[in-house]
Amino acid sequence: MKYKVHRIDVRANNMQEKLEQFLNDLEGEVVSILPNVRPTFQLMGATAKIDYILVVEKKET
């Protein structure tokens, strides 16, 4: 059993479309989807931002 980790660079306005397109093109099985959540501080207070998403794919050998 082999696994491959893919990185998808996203923004708040295109995250859903990029993830959906990527998942539809995968040949293997999705094991996990991990967002990289980074805390940010703005005038309105603390918030979080997602820079990229990691997708773990299980490859069939």
PDB file of N, CA and C in Angstrom:
ATOM      1  N   MET A   1       0.834  -1.160   0.000  1.00  0.00           N
ATOM      2  CA  MET A   1       0.000   0.000   0.000  1.00  0.00           C
ATOM      3  C   MET A   1       0.894   1.244   0.000  1.00  0.00           C
ATOM      4  N   LYS A   2       0.647   2.157  -0.918  1.00  0.00           N
ATOM      5  CA  LYS A   2       1.417   3.387  -1.009  1.00  0.00           C
ATOM      6  C   LYS A   2       0.485   4.569  -0.874  1.00  0.00           C
ATOM      7  N   TYR A   3       1.036   5.648  -0.315  1.00  0.00           N
ATOM      8  CA  TYR A   3       0.272   6.875  -0.128  1.00  0.00           C
ATOM      9  C   TYR A   3       0.987   8.024  -0.810  1.00  0.00           C
ATOM     10  N   LYS A   4       0.221   8.994  -1.267  1.00  0.00           N
ATOM     11  CA  LYS A   4       0.780  10.195  -1.853  1.00  0.00           C
ATOM     12  C   LYS A   4       0.076  11.392  -1.230  1.00  0.00           C
ATOM     13  N   VAL A   5       0.848  12.424  -0.887  1.00  0.00           N
ATOM     14  CA  VAL A   5       0.288  13.637  -0.297  1.00  0.00           C
ATOM     15  C   VAL A   5       0.356  14.749  -1.344  1.00  0.00           C
ATOM     16  N   HIS A   6      -0.781  15.360  -1.614  1.00  0.00           N
ATOM     17  CA  HIS A   6      -0.874  16.451  -2.578  1.00  0.00           C
ATOM     18  C   HIS A   6      -1.110  17.753  -1.836  1.00  0.00           C
ATOM     19  N   ARG A   7      -0.528  18.838  -2.333  1.00  0.00           N
ATOM     20  CA  ARG A   7      -0.726  20.167  -1.749  1.00  0.00           C
ATOM     21  C   ARG A   7      -1.504  21.008  -2.752  1.00  0.00           C
ATOM     22  N   ILE A   8      -2.598  21.620  -2.271  1.00  0.00           N
ATOM     23  CA  ILE A   8      -3.423  22.483  -3.111  1.00  0.00           C
ATOM     24  C   ILE A   8      -3.391  23.879  -2.492  1.00  0.00           C
ATOM     25  N   ASP A   9      -2.817  24.845  -3.201  1.00  0.00           N
ATOM     26  CA  ASP A   9      -2.808  26.225  -2.733  1.00  0.00           C
ATOM     27  C   ASP A   9      -4.177  26.840  -3.000  1.00  0.00           C
ATOM     28  N   VAL A  10      -4.784  27.403  -1.961  1.00  0.00           N
ATOM     29  CA  VAL A  10      -6.145  27.926  -2.075  1.00  0.00           C
ATOM     30  C   VAL A  10      -6.247  29.316  -1.456  1.00  0.00           C
ATOM     31  N   ARG A  11      -7.339  29.976  -1.785  1.00  0.00           N
ATOM     32  CA  ARG A  11      -7.742  31.238  -1.166  1.00  0.00           C
ATOM     33  C   ARG A  11      -9.184  31.065  -0.713  1.00  0.00           C
ATOM     34  N   ALA A  12      -9.661  31.983   0.070  1.00  0.00           N
ATOM     35  CA  ALA A  12     -11.017  31.859   0.607  1.00  0.00           C
ATOM     36  C   ALA A  12     -12.074  31.860  -0.495  1.00  0.00           C
ATOM     37  N   ASN A  13     -11.821  32.570  -1.587  1.00  0.00           N
ATOM     38  CA  ASN A  13     -12.848  32.679  -2.626  1.00  0.00           C
ATOM     39  C   ASN A  13     -12.829  31.534  -3.646  1.00  0.00           C
ATOM     40  N   ASN A  14     -11.768  30.680  -3.667  1.00  0.00           N
ATOM     41  CA  ASN A  14     -11.737  29.608  -4.662  1.00  0.00           C
ATOM     42  C   ASN A  14     -11.489  28.227  -4.056  1.00  0.00           C
ATOM     43  N   MET A  15     -11.578  28.121  -2.750  1.00  0.00           N
ATOM     44  CA  MET A  15     -11.240  26.872  -2.064  1.00  0.00           C
ATOM     45  C   MET A  15     -12.141  25.714  -2.475  1.00  0.00           C
ATOM     46  N   GLN A  16     -13.420  25.932  -2.498  1.00  0.00           N
ATOM     47  CA  GLN A  16     -14.362  24.852  -2.802  1.00  0.00           C
ATOM     48  C   GLN A  16     -14.197  24.354  -4.234  1.00  0.00           C
ATOM     49  N   GLU A  17     -14.071  25.262  -5.184  1.00  0.00           N
ATOM     50  CA  GLU A  17     -13.947  24.854  -6.581  1.00  0.00           C
ATOM     51  C   GLU A  17     -12.649  24.085  -6.825  1.00  0.00           C
ATOM     52  N   LYS A  18     -11.535  24.566  -6.251  1.00  0.00           N
ATOM     53  CA  LYS A  18     -10.250  23.887  -6.455  1.00  0.00           C
ATOM     54  C   LYS A  18     -10.254  22.490  -5.843  1.00  0.00           C
ATOM     55  N   LEU A  19     -10.813  22.359  -4.637  1.00  0.00           N
ATOM     56  CA  LEU A  19     -10.865  21.056  -3.982  1.00  0.00           C
ATOM     57  C   LEU A  19     -11.770  20.099  -4.746  1.00  0.00           C
ATOM     58  N   GLU A  20     -12.920  20.574  -5.176  1.00  0.00           N
ATOM     59  CA  GLU A  20     -13.848  19.729  -5.927  1.00  0.00           C
ATOM     60  C   GLU A  20     -13.230  19.251  -7.233  1.00  0.00           C
ATOM     61  N   GLN A  21     -12.577  20.133  -7.959  1.00  0.00           N
ATOM     62  CA  GLN A  21     -11.939  19.753  -9.222  1.00  0.00           C
ATOM     63  C   GLN A  21     -10.818  18.741  -8.980  1.00  0.00           C
ATOM     64  N   PHE A  22     -10.026  18.959  -7.947  1.00  0.00           N
ATOM     65  CA  PHE A  22      -8.926  18.051  -7.645  1.00  0.00           C
ATOM     66  C   PHE A  22      -9.441  16.660  -7.276  1.00  0.00           C
ATOM     67  N   LEU A  23     -10.464  16.600  -6.417  1.00  0.00           N
ATOM     68  CA  LEU A  23     -11.001  15.310  -5.979  1.00  0.00           C
ATOM     69  C   LEU A  23     -11.619  14.534  -7.138  1.00  0.00           C
ATOM     70  N   ASN A  24     -12.243  15.221  -8.063  1.00  0.00           N
ATOM     71  CA  ASN A  24     -12.841  14.540  -9.218  1.00  0.00           C
ATOM     72  C   ASN A  24     -11.798  13.958 -10.162  1.00  0.00           C
ATOM     73  N   ASP A  25     -10.574  14.499 -10.136  1.00  0.00           N
ATOM     74  CA  ASP A  25      -9.513  14.005 -11.015  1.00  0.00           C
ATOM     75  C   ASP A  25      -8.652  12.914 -10.384  1.00  0.00           C
ATOM     76  N   LEU A  26      -8.838  12.640  -9.103  1.00  0.00           N
ATOM     77  CA  LEU A  26      -8.026  11.627  -8.419  1.00  0.00           C
ATOM     78  C   LEU A  26      -8.370  10.223  -8.900  1.00  0.00           C
ATOM     79  N   GLU A  27      -7.363   9.378  -8.945  1.00  0.00           N
ATOM     80  CA  GLU A  27      -7.581   7.985  -9.334  1.00  0.00           C
ATOM     81  C   GLU A  27      -7.664   7.074  -8.121  1.00  0.00           C
ATOM     82  N   GLY A  28      -6.965   7.432  -7.035  1.00  0.00           N
ATOM     83  CA  GLY A  28      -6.950   6.611  -5.828  1.00  0.00           C
ATOM     84  C   GLY A  28      -8.060   6.993  -4.859  1.00  0.00           C
ATOM     85  N   GLU A  29      -7.934   6.490  -3.639  1.00  0.00           N
ATOM     86  CA  GLU A  29      -8.919   6.716  -2.590  1.00  0.00           C
ATOM     87  C   GLU A  29      -8.416   7.815  -1.650  1.00  0.00           C
ATOM     88  N   VAL A  30      -9.299   8.747  -1.289  1.00  0.00           N
ATOM     89  CA  VAL A  30      -8.932   9.829  -0.375  1.00  0.00           C
ATOM     90  C   VAL A  30      -8.940   9.297   1.050  1.00  0.00           C
ATOM     91  N   VAL A  31      -7.816   9.471   1.747  1.00  0.00           N
ATOM     92  CA  VAL A  31      -7.697   9.026   3.126  1.00  0.00           C
ATOM     93  C   VAL A  31      -8.024  10.172   4.076  1.00  0.00           C
ATOM     94  N   SER A  32      -7.490  11.360   3.767  1.00  0.00           N
ATOM     95  CA  SER A  32      -7.673  12.497   4.660  1.00  0.00           C
ATOM     96  C   SER A  32      -7.484  13.810   3.908  1.00  0.00           C
ATOM     97  N   ILE A  33      -8.146  14.858   4.397  1.00  0.00           N
ATOM     98  CA  ILE A  33      -7.972  16.216   3.883  1.00  0.00           C
ATOM     99  C   ILE A  33      -7.618  17.089   5.075  1.00  0.00           C
ATOM    100  N   LEU A  34      -6.440  17.725   5.010  1.00  0.00           N
ATOM    101  CA  LEU A  34      -5.930  18.503   6.136  1.00  0.00           C
ATOM    102  C   LEU A  34      -5.701  19.954   5.722  1.00  0.00           C
ATOM    103  N   PRO A  35      -6.440  20.894   6.291  1.00  0.00           N
ATOM    104  CA  PRO A  35      -6.177  22.304   5.990  1.00  0.00           C
ATOM    105  C   PRO A  35      -5.025  22.835   6.843  1.00  0.00           C
ATOM    106  N   ASN A  36      -4.221  23.713   6.284  1.00  0.00           N
ATOM    107  CA  ASN A  36      -3.182  24.390   7.046  1.00  0.00           C
ATOM    108  C   ASN A  36      -3.782  25.691   7.573  1.00  0.00           C
ATOM    109  N   VAL A  37      -4.182  25.690   8.839  1.00  0.00           N
ATOM    110  CA  VAL A  37      -4.843  26.841   9.454  1.00  0.00           C
ATOM    111  C   VAL A  37      -3.795  27.677  10.177  1.00  0.00           C
ATOM    112  N   ARG A  38      -3.729  28.948   9.784  1.00  0.00           N
ATOM    113  CA  ARG A  38      -2.740  29.861  10.350  1.00  0.00           C
ATOM    114  C   ARG A  38      -3.473  30.994  11.061  1.00  0.00           C
ATOM    115  N   PRO A  39      -3.173  31.223  12.349  1.00  0.00           N
ATOM    116  CA  PRO A  39      -3.826  32.337  13.049  1.00  0.00           C
ATOM    117  C   PRO A  39      -3.322  33.680  12.531  1.00  0.00           C
ATOM    118  N   THR A  40      -4.224  34.631  12.395  1.00  0.00           N
ATOM    119  CA  THR A  40      -3.858  35.984  11.989  1.00  0.00           C
ATOM    120  C   THR A  40      -4.537  36.974  12.915  1.00  0.00           C
ATOM    121  N   PHE A  41      -3.942  38.127  13.052  1.00  0.00           N
ATOM    122  CA  PHE A  41      -4.499  39.173  13.903  1.00  0.00           C
ATOM    123  C   PHE A  41      -4.776  40.398  13.044  1.00  0.00           C
ATOM    124  N   GLN A  42      -6.036  40.844  13.064  1.00  0.00           N
ATOM    125  CA  GLN A  42      -6.448  41.995  12.276  1.00  0.00           C
ATOM    126  C   GLN A  42      -7.101  43.007  13.197  1.00  0.00           C
ATOM    127  N   LEU A  43      -7.532  44.107  12.646  1.00  0.00           N
ATOM    128  CA  LEU A  43      -8.162  45.158  13.452  1.00  0.00           C
ATOM    129  C   LEU A  43      -9.402  44.666  14.196  1.00  0.00           C
ATOM    130  N   MET A  44     -10.132  43.747  13.602  1.00  0.00           N
ATOM    131  CA  MET A  44     -11.342  43.235  14.237  1.00  0.00           C
ATOM    132  C   MET A  44     -11.049  42.168  15.289  1.00  0.00           C
ATOM    133  N   GLY A  45      -9.802  41.749  15.407  1.00  0.00           N
ATOM    134  CA  GLY A  45      -9.430  40.741  16.394  1.00  0.00           C
ATOM    135  C   GLY A  45      -8.735  39.559  15.749  1.00  0.00           C
ATOM    136  N   ALA A  46      -8.634  38.494  16.503  1.00  0.00           N
ATOM    137  CA  ALA A  46      -7.956  37.286  16.020  1.00  0.00           C
ATOM    138  C   ALA A  46      -8.879  36.508  15.087  1.00  0.00           C
ATOM    139  N   THR A  47      -8.298  35.968  14.048  1.00  0.00           N
ATOM    140  CA  THR A  47      -9.035  35.148  13.090  1.00  0.00           C
ATOM    141  C   THR A  47      -8.073  34.089  12.537  1.00  0.00           C
ATOM    142  N   ALA A  48      -8.505  33.313  11.596  1.00  0.00           N
ATOM    143  CA  ALA A  48      -7.655  32.265  11.023  1.00  0.00           C
ATOM    144  C   ALA A  48      -7.728  32.326   9.502  1.00  0.00           C
ATOM    145  N   LYS A  49      -6.682  31.825   8.865  1.00  0.00           N
ATOM    146  CA  LYS A  49      -6.605  31.821   7.406  1.00  0.00           C
ATOM    147  C   LYS A  49      -6.072  30.466   6.951  1.00  0.00           C
ATOM    148  N   ILE A  50      -6.610  29.969   5.852  1.00  0.00           N
ATOM    149  CA  ILE A  50      -6.143  28.706   5.278  1.00  0.00           C
ATOM    150  C   ILE A  50      -5.342  29.037   4.030  1.00  0.00           C
ATOM    151  N   ASP A  51      -4.054  28.659   4.030  1.00  0.00           N
ATOM    152  CA  ASP A  51      -3.177  28.924   2.894  1.00  0.00           C
ATOM    153  C   ASP A  51      -3.195  27.783   1.883  1.00  0.00           C
ATOM    154  N   TYR A  52      -3.218  26.565   2.386  1.00  0.00           N
ATOM    155  CA  TYR A  52      -3.207  25.413   1.492  1.00  0.00           C
ATOM    156  C   TYR A  52      -3.888  24.232   2.177  1.00  0.00           C
ATOM    157  N   ILE A  53      -4.224  23.242   1.363  1.00  0.00           N
ATOM    158  CA  ILE A  53      -4.878  22.020   1.842  1.00  0.00           C
ATOM    159  C   ILE A  53      -4.002  20.840   1.424  1.00  0.00           C
ATOM    160  N   LEU A  54      -3.795  19.906   2.347  1.00  0.00           N
ATOM    161  CA  LEU A  54      -3.089  18.668   2.025  1.00  0.00           C
ATOM    162  C   LEU A  54      -4.123  17.555   1.851  1.00  0.00           C
ATOM    163  N   VAL A  55      -4.002  16.805   0.765  1.00  0.00           N
ATOM    164  CA  VAL A  55      -4.899  15.682   0.498  1.00  0.00           C
ATOM    165  C   VAL A  55      -4.052  14.420   0.475  1.00  0.00           C
ATOM    166  N   VAL A  56      -4.396  13.458   1.339  1.00  0.00           N
ATOM    167  CA  VAL A  56      -3.674  12.187   1.396  1.00  0.00           C
ATOM    168  C   VAL A  56      -4.446  11.183   0.541  1.00  0.00           C
ATOM    169  N   GLU A  57      -3.743  10.626  -0.449  1.00  0.00           N
ATOM    170  CA  GLU A  57      -4.354   9.687  -1.385  1.00  0.00           C
ATOM    171  C   GLU A  57      -3.725   8.316  -1.211  1.00  0.00           C
ATOM    172  N   LYS A  58      -4.567   7.293  -1.157  1.00  0.00           N
ATOM    173  CA  LYS A  58      -4.099   5.906  -1.071  1.00  0.00           C
ATOM    174  C   LYS A  58      -4.032   5.363  -2.491  1.00  0.00           C
ATOM    175  N   LYS A  59      -2.814   5.025  -2.915  1.00  0.00           N
ATOM    176  CA  LYS A  59      -2.597   4.516  -4.276  1.00  0.00           C
ATOM    177  C   LYS A  59      -2.744   3.009  -4.291  1.00  0.00           C
ATOM    178  N   GLU A  60      -3.348   2.507  -5.338  1.00  0.00           N
ATOM    179  CA  GLU A  60      -3.466   1.065  -5.514  1.00  0.00           C
ATOM    180  C   GLU A  60      -2.249   0.561  -6.248  1.00  0.00           C
ATOM    181  N   THR A  61      -1.623  -0.452  -5.704  1.00  0.00           N
ATOM    182  CA  THR A  61      -0.401  -0.982  -6.323  1.00  0.00           C
ATOM    183  C   THR A  61      -0.680  -2.149  -7.218  1.00  0.00           C
TER     184      THR A  61
END
